Protein backbone atom coordinates (compact mmCIF):
# COMPACT_ATOMS: atom_id res chain seq x y z
CA MET A 1 -83.35 67.43 -76.14
CA GLN A 2 -79.58 67.93 -76.21
CA ASP A 3 -79.56 68.32 -72.42
CA ILE A 4 -81.30 64.97 -72.03
CA GLU A 5 -78.83 63.30 -74.41
CA GLU A 6 -75.88 64.72 -72.44
CA LYS A 7 -77.34 63.49 -69.16
CA LEU A 8 -78.00 60.07 -70.67
CA ALA A 9 -74.43 59.83 -71.96
CA HIS A 10 -73.10 60.87 -68.55
CA MET A 11 -75.29 58.33 -66.76
CA THR A 12 -74.27 55.60 -69.20
CA ARG A 13 -70.61 56.28 -68.46
CA ILE A 14 -71.24 56.22 -64.72
CA VAL A 15 -73.06 52.88 -64.99
CA GLU A 16 -70.18 51.39 -66.99
CA ASP A 17 -67.64 52.69 -64.46
CA LEU A 18 -69.65 51.26 -61.59
CA SER A 19 -69.97 47.96 -63.41
CA ASP A 20 -66.18 47.81 -63.73
CA VAL A 21 -65.80 48.52 -60.02
CA VAL A 22 -68.29 45.80 -59.09
CA ALA A 23 -66.55 43.29 -61.37
CA ARG A 24 -63.16 44.10 -59.83
CA GLN A 25 -64.54 43.81 -56.31
CA ALA A 26 -66.15 40.47 -57.14
CA GLY A 27 -62.74 39.18 -58.22
CA GLU A 28 -61.13 40.45 -55.02
CA ILE A 29 -63.88 38.84 -52.93
CA ASP A 30 -63.34 35.52 -54.73
CA THR A 31 -59.60 35.71 -54.05
CA LEU A 32 -60.12 36.54 -50.39
CA THR A 33 -62.70 33.76 -50.02
CA ARG A 34 -60.23 31.22 -51.43
CA ARG A 35 -57.52 32.46 -49.07
CA VAL A 36 -59.77 32.23 -46.02
CA GLU A 37 -60.82 28.72 -47.00
CA MET A 38 -57.17 27.74 -47.42
CA LEU A 39 -56.30 29.16 -44.00
CA MET A 40 -59.24 27.37 -42.40
CA ARG A 41 -58.18 24.05 -43.96
CA ARG A 42 -54.60 24.63 -42.83
CA GLU A 43 -55.75 25.36 -39.28
CA ALA A 44 -58.06 22.33 -39.29
CA ASP A 45 -55.13 20.14 -40.39
CA ARG A 46 -52.95 21.62 -37.67
CA GLU A 47 -55.66 20.97 -35.08
CA ALA A 48 -56.07 17.39 -36.33
CA GLN A 49 -52.33 16.76 -35.98
CA ASN A 50 -52.17 18.21 -32.46
CA PRO A 51 -55.57 17.76 -30.81
CA GLY A 52 -55.84 19.59 -27.53
CA ALA A 53 -52.81 21.76 -28.19
CA VAL A 54 -53.19 25.33 -26.99
CA VAL A 55 -52.06 28.06 -29.36
CA LEU A 56 -50.92 31.11 -27.44
CA GLY A 57 -50.59 33.75 -30.14
CA ASP A 58 -50.40 36.69 -27.75
CA GLU A 59 -47.89 35.17 -25.33
CA ARG A 60 -44.65 37.12 -24.90
CA PRO A 61 -41.49 35.45 -26.18
CA PRO A 62 -39.12 34.20 -23.45
CA HIS A 63 -36.50 36.91 -24.11
CA TYR A 64 -38.80 39.68 -22.79
């Protein structure tokens, strides 16, 4: 009986630890989702201001 109680206590602690991890990750996912949405809005605004403009992010600067 004592062995079962020890295993139950251990499993309870593991479940609580995992619950904390899941809660923290949910917060991080929410933060990242907001940031991606903000970046998408910013890029949509930039595209609306300069329709047809080509963004060359991998072009070498002129001093190369």
